[in-house]
ModelCIF file with pLDDT and N, C-alpha, C, O atoms, coordinates in Angstrom:
data_MODEL
#
_entry.id   MODEL 
#
_entity.id                         1 
_entity.type                       polymer 
_entity.pdbx_number_of_molecules   1 
#
_entity_poly.entity_id                      1 
_entity_poly.type                           'polypeptide(L)' 
_entity_poly.nstd_linkage                   no 
_entity_poly.nstd_monomer                   no 
_entity_poly.pdbx_seq_one_letter_code       DPFPDDERLLNFNGPSRNHSDNVFVNFVAQHDFGDWSVRSLTGYDKS 
_entity_poly.pdbx_seq_one_letter_code_can   DPFPDDERLLNFNGPSRNHSDNVFVNFVAQHDFGDWSVRSLTGYDKS 
_entity_poly.pdbx_strand_id                 A 
#
loop_
_entity_poly_seq.entity_id 
_entity_poly_seq.num 
_entity_poly_seq.mon_id 
_entity_poly_seq.hetero 
1 1  ASP n 
1 2  PRO n 
1 3  PHE n 
1 4  PRO n 
1 5  ASP n 
1 6  ASP n 
1 7  GLU n 
1 8  ARG n 
1 9  LEU n 
1 10 LEU n 
1 11 ASN n 
1 12 PHE n 
1 13 ASN n 
1 14 GLY n 
1 15 PRO n 
1 16 SER n 
1 17 ARG n 
1 18 ASN n 
1 19 HIS n 
1 20 SER n 
1 21 ASP n 
1 22 ASN n 
1 23 VAL n 
1 24 PHE n 
1 25 VAL n 
1 26 ASN n 
1 27 PHE n 
1 28 VAL n 
1 29 ALA n 
1 30 GLN n 
1 31 HIS n 
1 32 ASP n 
1 33 PHE n 
1 34 GLY n 
1 35 ASP n 
1 36 TRP n 
1 37 SER n 
1 38 VAL n 
1 39 ARG n 
1 40 SER n 
1 41 LEU n 
1 42 THR n 
1 43 GLY n 
1 44 TYR n 
1 45 ASP n 
1 46 LYS n 
1 47 SER n 
#
_struct_asym.id          A 
_struct_asym.entity_id   1 
#
loop_
_ma_qa_metric.id 
_ma_qa_metric.mode 
_ma_qa_metric.name 
_ma_qa_metric.software_group_id 
_ma_qa_metric.type 
1 global pLDDT . pLDDT 
2 local  pLDDT . pLDDT 
#
_ma_qa_metric_global.metric_id      1 
_ma_qa_metric_global.metric_value   95.51 
_ma_qa_metric_global.model_id       1 
_ma_qa_metric_global.ordinal_id     1 
#
loop_
_ma_qa_metric_local.label_asym_id 
_ma_qa_metric_local.label_comp_id 
_ma_qa_metric_local.label_seq_id 
_ma_qa_metric_local.metric_id 
_ma_qa_metric_local.metric_value 
_ma_qa_metric_local.model_id 
_ma_qa_metric_local.ordinal_id 
A ASP 1  2 96.00 1 1  
A PRO 2  2 95.00 1 2  
A PHE 3  2 94.00 1 3  
A PRO 4  2 94.00 1 4  
A ASP 5  2 92.00 1 5  
A ASP 6  2 95.00 1 6  
A GLU 7  2 94.00 1 7  
A ARG 8  2 95.00 1 8  
A LEU 9  2 97.00 1 9  
A LEU 10 2 97.00 1 10 
A ASN 11 2 97.00 1 11 
A PHE 12 2 96.00 1 12 
A ASN 13 2 94.00 1 13 
A GLY 14 2 87.00 1 14 
A PRO 15 2 86.00 1 15 
A SER 16 2 92.00 1 16 
A ARG 17 2 93.00 1 17 
A ASN 18 2 93.00 1 18 
A HIS 19 2 95.00 1 19 
A SER 20 2 95.00 1 20 
A ASP 21 2 96.00 1 21 
A ASN 22 2 96.00 1 22 
A VAL 23 2 97.00 1 23 
A PHE 24 2 97.00 1 24 
A VAL 25 2 98.00 1 25 
A ASN 26 2 97.00 1 26 
A PHE 27 2 98.00 1 27 
A VAL 28 2 97.00 1 28 
A ALA 29 2 98.00 1 29 
A GLN 30 2 97.00 1 30 
A HIS 31 2 97.00 1 31 
A ASP 32 2 96.00 1 32 
A PHE 33 2 94.00 1 33 
A GLY 34 2 93.00 1 34 
A ASP 35 2 96.00 1 35 
A TRP 36 2 97.00 1 36 
A SER 37 2 97.00 1 37 
A VAL 38 2 98.00 1 38 
A ARG 39 2 97.00 1 39 
A SER 40 2 98.00 1 40 
A LEU 41 2 97.00 1 41 
A THR 42 2 98.00 1 42 
A GLY 43 2 97.00 1 43 
A TYR 44 2 97.00 1 44 
A ASP 45 2 97.00 1 45 
A LYS 46 2 97.00 1 46 
A SER 47 2 95.00 1 47 
#
loop_
_atom_site.group_PDB 
_atom_site.id 
_atom_site.type_symbol 
_atom_site.label_atom_id 
_atom_site.label_alt_id 
_atom_site.label_comp_id 
_atom_site.label_asym_id 
_atom_site.label_entity_id 
_atom_site.label_seq_id 
_atom_site.pdbx_PDB_ins_code 
_atom_site.Cartn_x 
_atom_site.Cartn_y 
_atom_site.Cartn_z 
_atom_site.occupancy 
_atom_site.B_iso_or_equiv 
_atom_site.pdbx_formal_charge 
_atom_site.auth_seq_id 
_atom_site.auth_comp_id 
_atom_site.auth_asym_id 
_atom_site.auth_atom_id 
_atom_site.pdbx_PDB_model_num 
ATOM 1   N N  . ASP A 1 1  ? 95.495  29.703 114.291 1.00 96.00 ? 1  ASP A N  1 
ATOM 2   C CA . ASP A 1 1  ? 94.290  30.346 114.805 1.00 96.00 ? 1  ASP A CA 1 
ATOM 3   C C  . ASP A 1 1  ? 93.288  29.273 115.232 1.00 96.00 ? 1  ASP A C  1 
ATOM 4   O O  . ASP A 1 1  ? 92.862  28.473 114.399 1.00 96.00 ? 1  ASP A O  1 
ATOM 5   N N  . PRO A 1 2  ? 92.898  29.237 116.527 1.00 95.00 ? 2  PRO A N  1 
ATOM 6   C CA . PRO A 1 2  ? 91.955  28.194 116.970 1.00 95.00 ? 2  PRO A CA 1 
ATOM 7   C C  . PRO A 1 2  ? 90.523  28.436 116.522 1.00 95.00 ? 2  PRO A C  1 
ATOM 8   O O  . PRO A 1 2  ? 89.670  27.563 116.684 1.00 95.00 ? 2  PRO A O  1 
ATOM 9   N N  . PHE A 1 3  ? 90.242  29.626 115.953 1.00 94.00 ? 3  PHE A N  1 
ATOM 10  C CA . PHE A 1 3  ? 88.870  29.950 115.530 1.00 94.00 ? 3  PHE A CA 1 
ATOM 11  C C  . PHE A 1 3  ? 88.881  30.451 114.084 1.00 94.00 ? 3  PHE A C  1 
ATOM 12  O O  . PHE A 1 3  ? 88.454  31.576 113.826 1.00 94.00 ? 3  PHE A O  1 
ATOM 13  N N  . PRO A 1 4  ? 89.354  29.650 113.151 1.00 94.00 ? 4  PRO A N  1 
ATOM 14  C CA . PRO A 1 4  ? 89.548  30.149 111.783 1.00 94.00 ? 4  PRO A CA 1 
ATOM 15  C C  . PRO A 1 4  ? 88.254  30.509 111.064 1.00 94.00 ? 4  PRO A C  1 
ATOM 16  O O  . PRO A 1 4  ? 88.273  31.308 110.128 1.00 94.00 ? 4  PRO A O  1 
ATOM 17  N N  . ASP A 1 5  ? 87.131  29.934 111.485 1.00 92.00 ? 5  ASP A N  1 
ATOM 18  C CA . ASP A 1 5  ? 85.877  30.154 110.775 1.00 92.00 ? 5  ASP A CA 1 
ATOM 19  C C  . ASP A 1 5  ? 84.943  31.118 111.507 1.00 92.00 ? 5  ASP A C  1 
ATOM 20  O O  . ASP A 1 5  ? 83.780  31.259 111.129 1.00 92.00 ? 5  ASP A O  1 
ATOM 21  N N  . ASP A 1 6  ? 85.436  31.773 112.536 1.00 95.00 ? 6  ASP A N  1 
ATOM 22  C CA . ASP A 1 6  ? 84.601  32.704 113.295 1.00 95.00 ? 6  ASP A CA 1 
ATOM 23  C C  . ASP A 1 6  ? 85.310  34.049 113.350 1.00 95.00 ? 6  ASP A C  1 
ATOM 24  O O  . ASP A 1 6  ? 86.219  34.249 114.156 1.00 95.00 ? 6  ASP A O  1 
ATOM 25  N N  . GLU A 1 7  ? 84.889  34.970 112.487 1.00 94.00 ? 7  GLU A N  1 
ATOM 26  C CA . GLU A 1 7  ? 85.552  36.276 112.408 1.00 94.00 ? 7  GLU A CA 1 
ATOM 27  C C  . GLU A 1 7  ? 85.339  37.120 113.658 1.00 94.00 ? 7  GLU A C  1 
ATOM 28  O O  . GLU A 1 7  ? 86.013  38.134 113.835 1.00 94.00 ? 7  GLU A O  1 
ATOM 29  N N  . ARG A 1 8  ? 84.413  36.721 114.529 1.00 95.00 ? 8  ARG A N  1 
ATOM 30  C CA . ARG A 1 8  ? 84.172  37.486 115.756 1.00 95.00 ? 8  ARG A CA 1 
ATOM 31  C C  . ARG A 1 8  ? 85.285  37.314 116.766 1.00 95.00 ? 8  ARG A C  1 
ATOM 32  O O  . ARG A 1 8  ? 85.520  38.208 117.579 1.00 95.00 ? 8  ARG A O  1 
ATOM 33  N N  . LEU A 1 9  ? 85.985  36.175 116.735 1.00 97.00 ? 9  LEU A N  1 
ATOM 34  C CA . LEU A 1 9  ? 86.921  35.812 117.790 1.00 97.00 ? 9  LEU A CA 1 
ATOM 35  C C  . LEU A 1 9  ? 88.362  36.050 117.340 1.00 97.00 ? 9  LEU A C  1 
ATOM 36  O O  . LEU A 1 9  ? 88.829  35.485 116.351 1.00 97.00 ? 9  LEU A O  1 
ATOM 37  N N  . LEU A 1 10 ? 89.048  36.905 118.099 1.00 97.00 ? 10 LEU A N  1 
ATOM 38  C CA . LEU A 1 10 ? 90.456  37.189 117.876 1.00 97.00 ? 10 LEU A CA 1 
ATOM 39  C C  . LEU A 1 10 ? 91.258  36.605 119.032 1.00 97.00 ? 10 LEU A C  1 
ATOM 40  O O  . LEU A 1 10 ? 90.695  36.154 120.029 1.00 97.00 ? 10 LEU A O  1 
ATOM 41  N N  . ASN A 1 11 ? 92.602  36.621 118.882 1.00 97.00 ? 11 ASN A N  1 
ATOM 42  C CA . ASN A 1 11 ? 93.423  35.988 119.919 1.00 97.00 ? 11 ASN A CA 1 
ATOM 43  C C  . ASN A 1 11 ? 94.827  36.608 119.901 1.00 97.00 ? 11 ASN A C  1 
ATOM 44  O O  . ASN A 1 11 ? 95.819  35.904 119.710 1.00 97.00 ? 11 ASN A O  1 
ATOM 45  N N  . PHE A 1 12 ? 94.901  37.936 120.103 1.00 96.00 ? 12 PHE A N  1 
ATOM 46  C CA . PHE A 1 12 ? 96.180  38.634 119.986 1.00 96.00 ? 12 PHE A CA 1 
ATOM 47  C C  . PHE A 1 12 ? 96.647  39.144 121.349 1.00 96.00 ? 12 PHE A C  1 
ATOM 48  O O  . PHE A 1 12 ? 95.844  39.458 122.228 1.00 96.00 ? 12 PHE A O  1 
ATOM 49  N N  . ASN A 1 13 ? 97.972  39.215 121.497 1.00 94.00 ? 13 ASN A N  1 
ATOM 50  C CA . ASN A 1 13 ? 98.548  39.640 122.766 1.00 94.00 ? 13 ASN A CA 1 
ATOM 51  C C  . ASN A 1 13 ? 99.100  41.051 122.750 1.00 94.00 ? 13 ASN A C  1 
ATOM 52  O O  . ASN A 1 13 ? 99.321  41.638 123.810 1.00 94.00 ? 13 ASN A O  1 
ATOM 53  N N  . GLY A 1 14 ? 99.326  41.605 121.577 1.00 87.00 ? 14 GLY A N  1 
ATOM 54  C CA . GLY A 1 14 ? 100.004 42.895 121.468 1.00 87.00 ? 14 GLY A CA 1 
ATOM 55  C C  . GLY A 1 14 ? 99.093  44.075 121.719 1.00 87.00 ? 14 GLY A C  1 
ATOM 56  O O  . GLY A 1 14 ? 97.889  43.902 121.909 1.00 87.00 ? 14 GLY A O  1 
ATOM 57  N N  . PRO A 1 15 ? 99.653  45.275 121.723 1.00 86.00 ? 15 PRO A N  1 
ATOM 58  C CA . PRO A 1 15 ? 98.848  46.483 121.906 1.00 86.00 ? 15 PRO A CA 1 
ATOM 59  C C  . PRO A 1 15 ? 97.972  46.748 120.692 1.00 86.00 ? 15 PRO A C  1 
ATOM 60  O O  . PRO A 1 15 ? 98.282  46.321 119.580 1.00 86.00 ? 15 PRO A O  1 
ATOM 61  N N  . SER A 1 16 ? 96.884  47.454 120.919 1.00 92.00 ? 16 SER A N  1 
ATOM 62  C CA . SER A 1 16 ? 95.969  47.795 119.820 1.00 92.00 ? 16 SER A CA 1 
ATOM 63  C C  . SER A 1 16 ? 95.432  49.198 120.062 1.00 92.00 ? 16 SER A C  1 
ATOM 64  O O  . SER A 1 16 ? 94.612  49.410 120.955 1.00 92.00 ? 16 SER A O  1 
ATOM 65  N N  . ARG A 1 17 ? 95.884  50.129 119.283 1.00 93.00 ? 17 ARG A N  1 
ATOM 66  C CA . ARG A 1 17 ? 95.353  51.489 119.404 1.00 93.00 ? 17 ARG A CA 1 
ATOM 67  C C  . ARG A 1 17 ? 95.432  52.202 118.055 1.00 93.00 ? 17 ARG A C  1 
ATOM 68  O O  . ARG A 1 17 ? 96.331  51.967 117.247 1.00 93.00 ? 17 ARG A O  1 
ATOM 69  N N  . ASN A 1 18 ? 94.476  53.063 117.853 1.00 93.00 ? 18 ASN A N  1 
ATOM 70  C CA . ASN A 1 18 ? 94.383  53.861 116.629 1.00 93.00 ? 18 ASN A CA 1 
ATOM 71  C C  . ASN A 1 18 ? 94.123  55.296 117.072 1.00 93.00 ? 18 ASN A C  1 
ATOM 72  O O  . ASN A 1 18 ? 93.039  55.838 116.857 1.00 93.00 ? 18 ASN A O  1 
ATOM 73  N N  . HIS A 1 19 ? 95.122  55.895 117.685 1.00 95.00 ? 19 HIS A N  1 
ATOM 74  C CA . HIS A 1 19 ? 94.973  57.189 118.328 1.00 95.00 ? 19 HIS A CA 1 
ATOM 75  C C  . HIS A 1 19 ? 95.492  58.312 117.431 1.00 95.00 ? 19 HIS A C  1 
ATOM 76  O O  . HIS A 1 19 ? 96.524  58.174 116.774 1.00 95.00 ? 19 HIS A O  1 
ATOM 77  N N  . SER A 1 20 ? 94.775  59.398 117.416 1.00 95.00 ? 20 SER A N  1 
ATOM 78  C CA . SER A 1 20 ? 95.219  60.548 116.636 1.00 95.00 ? 20 SER A CA 1 
ATOM 79  C C  . SER A 1 20 ? 94.596  61.820 117.184 1.00 95.00 ? 20 SER A C  1 
ATOM 80  O O  . SER A 1 20 ? 93.521  61.800 117.783 1.00 95.00 ? 20 SER A O  1 
ATOM 81  N N  . ASP A 1 21 ? 95.294  62.927 116.967 1.00 96.00 ? 21 ASP A N  1 
ATOM 82  C CA . ASP A 1 21 ? 94.804  64.273 117.283 1.00 96.00 ? 21 ASP A CA 1 
ATOM 83  C C  . ASP A 1 21 ? 95.065  65.154 116.074 1.00 96.00 ? 21 ASP A C  1 
ATOM 84  O O  . ASP A 1 21 ? 96.121  65.071 115.447 1.00 96.00 ? 21 ASP A O  1 
ATOM 85  N N  . ASN A 1 22 ? 94.102  65.993 115.755 1.00 96.00 ? 22 ASN A N  1 
ATOM 86  C CA . ASN A 1 22 ? 94.217  66.835 114.569 1.00 96.00 ? 22 ASN A CA 1 
ATOM 87  C C  . ASN A 1 22 ? 93.606  68.206 114.840 1.00 96.00 ? 22 ASN A C  1 
ATOM 88  O O  . ASN A 1 22 ? 92.520  68.303 115.412 1.00 96.00 ? 22 ASN A O  1 
ATOM 89  N N  . VAL A 1 23 ? 94.302  69.260 114.432 1.00 97.00 ? 23 VAL A N  1 
ATOM 90  C CA . VAL A 1 23 ? 93.754  70.614 114.474 1.00 97.00 ? 23 VAL A CA 1 
ATOM 91  C C  . VAL A 1 23 ? 93.995  71.254 113.110 1.00 97.00 ? 23 VAL A C  1 
ATOM 92  O O  . VAL A 1 23 ? 94.989  70.964 112.444 1.00 97.00 ? 23 VAL A O  1 
ATOM 93  N N  . PHE A 1 24 ? 93.082  72.121 112.705 1.00 97.00 ? 24 PHE A N  1 
ATOM 94  C CA . PHE A 1 24 ? 93.252  72.798 111.423 1.00 97.00 ? 24 PHE A CA 1 
ATOM 95  C C  . PHE A 1 24 ? 92.629  74.188 111.483 1.00 97.00 ? 24 PHE A C  1 
ATOM 96  O O  . PHE A 1 24 ? 91.680  74.438 112.226 1.00 97.00 ? 24 PHE A O  1 
ATOM 97  N N  . VAL A 1 25 ? 93.192  75.082 110.677 1.00 98.00 ? 25 VAL A N  1 
ATOM 98  C CA . VAL A 1 25 ? 92.703  76.449 110.550 1.00 98.00 ? 25 VAL A CA 1 
ATOM 99  C C  . VAL A 1 25 ? 92.700  76.797 109.071 1.00 98.00 ? 25 VAL A C  1 
ATOM 100 O O  . VAL A 1 25 ? 93.726  76.674 108.401 1.00 98.00 ? 25 VAL A O  1 
ATOM 101 N N  . ASN A 1 26 ? 91.564  77.228 108.560 1.00 97.00 ? 26 ASN A N  1 
ATOM 102 C CA . ASN A 1 26 ? 91.448  77.656 107.166 1.00 97.00 ? 26 ASN A CA 1 
ATOM 103 C C  . ASN A 1 26 ? 90.918  79.086 107.124 1.00 97.00 ? 26 ASN A C  1 
ATOM 104 O O  . ASN A 1 26 ? 90.049  79.460 107.912 1.00 97.00 ? 26 ASN A O  1 
ATOM 105 N N  . PHE A 1 27 ? 91.449  79.877 106.199 1.00 98.00 ? 27 PHE A N  1 
ATOM 106 C CA . PHE A 1 27 ? 90.926  81.229 105.991 1.00 98.00 ? 27 PHE A CA 1 
ATOM 107 C C  . PHE A 1 27 ? 90.669  81.424 104.503 1.00 98.00 ? 27 PHE A C  1 
ATOM 108 O O  . PHE A 1 27 ? 91.564  81.230 103.680 1.00 98.00 ? 27 PHE A O  1 
ATOM 109 N N  . VAL A 1 28 ? 89.446  81.808 104.163 1.00 97.00 ? 28 VAL A N  1 
ATOM 110 C CA . VAL A 1 28 ? 89.049  82.026 102.777 1.00 97.00 ? 28 VAL A CA 1 
ATOM 111 C C  . VAL A 1 28 ? 88.566  83.464 102.631 1.00 97.00 ? 28 VAL A C  1 
ATOM 112 O O  . VAL A 1 28 ? 87.686  83.912 103.368 1.00 97.00 ? 28 VAL A O  1 
ATOM 113 N N  . ALA A 1 29 ? 89.144  84.175 101.684 1.00 98.00 ? 29 ALA A N  1 
ATOM 114 C CA . ALA A 1 29 ? 88.740  85.551 101.382 1.00 98.00 ? 29 ALA A CA 1 
ATOM 115 C C  . ALA A 1 29 ? 88.328  85.615 99.916  1.00 98.00 ? 29 ALA A C  1 
ATOM 116 O O  . ALA A 1 29 ? 89.028  85.109 99.039  1.00 98.00 ? 29 ALA A O  1 
ATOM 117 N N  . GLN A 1 30 ? 87.185  86.241 99.666  1.00 97.00 ? 30 GLN A N  1 
ATOM 118 C CA . GLN A 1 30 ? 86.599  86.192 98.326  1.00 97.00 ? 30 GLN A CA 1 
ATOM 119 C C  . GLN A 1 30 ? 85.864  87.502 98.042  1.00 97.00 ? 30 GLN A C  1 
ATOM 120 O O  . GLN A 1 30 ? 85.152  88.030 98.896  1.00 97.00 ? 30 GLN A O  1 
ATOM 121 N N  . HIS A 1 31 ? 86.054  88.013 96.826  1.00 97.00 ? 31 HIS A N  1 
ATOM 122 C CA . HIS A 1 31 ? 85.411  89.274 96.427  1.00 97.00 ? 31 HIS A CA 1 
ATOM 123 C C  . HIS A 1 31 ? 85.115  89.242 94.936  1.00 97.00 ? 31 HIS A C  1 
ATOM 124 O O  . HIS A 1 31 ? 85.969  88.854 94.139  1.00 97.00 ? 31 HIS A O  1 
ATOM 125 N N  . ASP A 1 32 ? 83.902  89.650 94.556  1.00 96.00 ? 32 ASP A N  1 
ATOM 126 C CA . ASP A 1 32 ? 83.493  89.731 93.150  1.00 96.00 ? 32 ASP A CA 1 
ATOM 127 C C  . ASP A 1 32 ? 83.677  91.162 92.673  1.00 96.00 ? 32 ASP A C  1 
ATOM 128 O O  . ASP A 1 32 ? 83.477  92.121 93.419  1.00 96.00 ? 32 ASP A O  1 
ATOM 129 N N  . PHE A 1 33 ? 84.065  91.276 91.402  1.00 94.00 ? 33 PHE A N  1 
ATOM 130 C CA . PHE A 1 33 ? 84.316  92.598 90.828  1.00 94.00 ? 33 PHE A CA 1 
ATOM 131 C C  . PHE A 1 33 ? 83.864  92.574 89.376  1.00 94.00 ? 33 PHE A C  1 
ATOM 132 O O  . PHE A 1 33 ? 84.678  92.439 88.463  1.00 94.00 ? 33 PHE A O  1 
ATOM 133 N N  . GLY A 1 34 ? 82.545  92.708 89.169  1.00 93.00 ? 34 GLY A N  1 
ATOM 134 C CA . GLY A 1 34 ? 81.996  92.585 87.828  1.00 93.00 ? 34 GLY A CA 1 
ATOM 135 C C  . GLY A 1 34 ? 82.179  91.172 87.309  1.00 93.00 ? 34 GLY A C  1 
ATOM 136 O O  . GLY A 1 34 ? 81.820  90.203 87.978  1.00 93.00 ? 34 GLY A O  1 
ATOM 137 N N  . ASP A 1 35 ? 82.747  91.057 86.100  1.00 96.00 ? 35 ASP A N  1 
ATOM 138 C CA . ASP A 1 35 ? 83.020  89.740 85.535  1.00 96.00 ? 35 ASP A CA 1 
ATOM 139 C C  . ASP A 1 35 ? 84.259  89.090 86.139  1.00 96.00 ? 35 ASP A C  1 
ATOM 140 O O  . ASP A 1 35 ? 84.525  87.910 85.911  1.00 96.00 ? 35 ASP A O  1 
ATOM 141 N N  . TRP A 1 36 ? 85.013  89.866 86.911  1.00 97.00 ? 36 TRP A N  1 
ATOM 142 C CA . TRP A 1 36 ? 86.255  89.362 87.491  1.00 97.00 ? 36 TRP A CA 1 
ATOM 143 C C  . TRP A 1 36 ? 86.051  88.995 88.956  1.00 97.00 ? 36 TRP A C  1 
ATOM 144 O O  . TRP A 1 36 ? 85.168  89.513 89.638  1.00 97.00 ? 36 TRP A O  1 
ATOM 145 N N  . SER A 1 37 ? 86.890  88.094 89.405  1.00 97.00 ? 37 SER A N  1 
ATOM 146 C CA . SER A 1 37 ? 86.843  87.686 90.807  1.00 97.00 ? 37 SER A CA 1 
ATOM 147 C C  . SER A 1 37 ? 88.235  87.283 91.247  1.00 97.00 ? 37 SER A C  1 
ATOM 148 O O  . SER A 1 37 ? 89.060  86.871 90.433  1.00 97.00 ? 37 SER A O  1 
ATOM 149 N N  . VAL A 1 38 ? 88.495  87.406 92.555  1.00 98.00 ? 38 VAL A N  1 
ATOM 150 C CA . VAL A 1 38 ? 89.738  86.913 93.106  1.00 98.00 ? 38 VAL A CA 1 
ATOM 151 C C  . VAL A 1 38 ? 89.431  86.210 94.416  1.00 98.00 ? 38 VAL A C  1 
ATOM 152 O O  . VAL A 1 38 ? 88.513  86.592 95.141  1.00 98.00 ? 38 VAL A O  1 
ATOM 153 N N  . ARG A 1 39 ? 90.213  85.176 94.709  1.00 97.00 ? 39 ARG A N  1 
ATOM 154 C CA . ARG A 1 39 ? 89.963  84.365 95.891  1.00 97.00 ? 39 ARG A CA 1 
ATOM 155 C C  . ARG A 1 39 ? 91.285  83.912 96.506  1.00 97.00 ? 39 ARG A C  1 
ATOM 156 O O  . ARG A 1 39 ? 92.227  83.564 95.794  1.00 97.00 ? 39 ARG A O  1 
ATOM 157 N N  . SER A 1 40 ? 91.341  83.921 97.821  1.00 98.00 ? 40 SER A N  1 
ATOM 158 C CA . SER A 1 40 ? 92.516  83.463 98.541  1.00 98.00 ? 40 SER A CA 1 
ATOM 159 C C  . SER A 1 40 ? 92.116  82.350 99.494  1.00 98.00 ? 40 SER A C  1 
ATOM 160 O O  . SER A 1 40 ? 91.119  82.468 100.207 1.00 98.00 ? 40 SER A O  1 
ATOM 161 N N  . LEU A 1 41 ? 92.892  81.265 99.510  1.00 97.00 ? 41 LEU A N  1 
ATOM 162 C CA . LEU A 1 41 ? 92.656  80.151 100.419 1.00 97.00 ? 41 LEU A CA 1 
ATOM 163 C C  . LEU A 1 41 ? 93.942  79.870 101.190 1.00 97.00 ? 41 LEU A C  1 
ATOM 164 O O  . LEU A 1 41 ? 94.974  79.556 100.597 1.00 97.00 ? 41 LEU A O  1 
ATOM 165 N N  . THR A 1 42 ? 93.874  79.984 102.500 1.00 98.00 ? 42 THR A N  1 
ATOM 166 C CA . THR A 1 42 ? 95.011  79.752 103.371 1.00 98.00 ? 42 THR A CA 1 
ATOM 167 C C  . THR A 1 42 ? 94.669  78.611 104.312 1.00 98.00 ? 42 THR A C  1 
ATOM 168 O O  . THR A 1 42 ? 93.586  78.592 104.899 1.00 98.00 ? 42 THR A O  1 
ATOM 169 N N  . GLY A 1 43 ? 95.582  77.658 104.462 1.00 97.00 ? 43 GLY A N  1 
ATOM 170 C CA . GLY A 1 43 ? 95.273  76.507 105.312 1.00 97.00 ? 43 GLY A CA 1 
ATOM 171 C C  . GLY A 1 43 ? 96.451  76.065 106.153 1.00 97.00 ? 43 GLY A C  1 
ATOM 172 O O  . GLY A 1 43 ? 97.597  76.078 105.702 1.00 97.00 ? 43 GLY A O  1 
ATOM 173 N N  . TYR A 1 44 ? 96.152  75.672 107.387 1.00 97.00 ? 44 TYR A N  1 
ATOM 174 C CA . TYR A 1 44 ? 97.144  75.090 108.297 1.00 97.00 ? 44 TYR A CA 1 
ATOM 175 C C  . TYR A 1 44 ? 96.546  73.831 108.897 1.00 97.00 ? 44 TYR A C  1 
ATOM 176 O O  . TYR A 1 44 ? 95.377  73.809 109.283 1.00 97.00 ? 44 TYR A O  1 
ATOM 177 N N  . ASP A 1 45 ? 97.362  72.775 108.971 1.00 97.00 ? 45 ASP A N  1 
ATOM 178 C CA . ASP A 1 45 ? 96.877  71.503 109.505 1.00 97.00 ? 45 ASP A CA 1 
ATOM 179 C C  . ASP A 1 45 ? 98.003  70.843 110.295 1.00 97.00 ? 45 ASP A C  1 
ATOM 180 O O  . ASP A 1 45 ? 99.156  70.826 109.864 1.00 97.00 ? 45 ASP A O  1 
ATOM 181 N N  . LYS A 1 46 ? 97.650  70.303 111.453 1.00 97.00 ? 46 LYS A N  1 
ATOM 182 C CA . LYS A 1 46 ? 98.620  69.572 112.275 1.00 97.00 ? 46 LYS A CA 1 
ATOM 183 C C  . LYS A 1 46 ? 97.980  68.286 112.762 1.00 97.00 ? 46 LYS A C  1 
ATOM 184 O O  . LYS A 1 46 ? 96.834  68.288 113.212 1.00 97.00 ? 46 LYS A O  1 
ATOM 185 N N  . SER A 1 47 ? 98.724  67.180 112.673 1.00 95.00 ? 47 SER A N  1 
ATOM 186 C CA . SER A 1 47 ? 98.212  65.899 113.144 1.00 95.00 ? 47 SER A CA 1 
ATOM 187 C C  . SER A 1 47 ? 99.299  65.167 113.926 1.00 95.00 ? 47 SER A C  1 
ATOM 188 O O  . SER A 1 47 ? 99.071  64.060 114.413 1.00 95.00 ? 47 SER A O  1 
#
């Protein structure tokens, strides 16, 4: 590395990418019933 003491300067020839795509769908259903409760959580995720 010709610039070992300068972190600002790089010297690479290869590709550089950090690409991503993400979609998600969540469904939450919730109901109280006195002291009792029930809850449903449904999730879908794609990346």
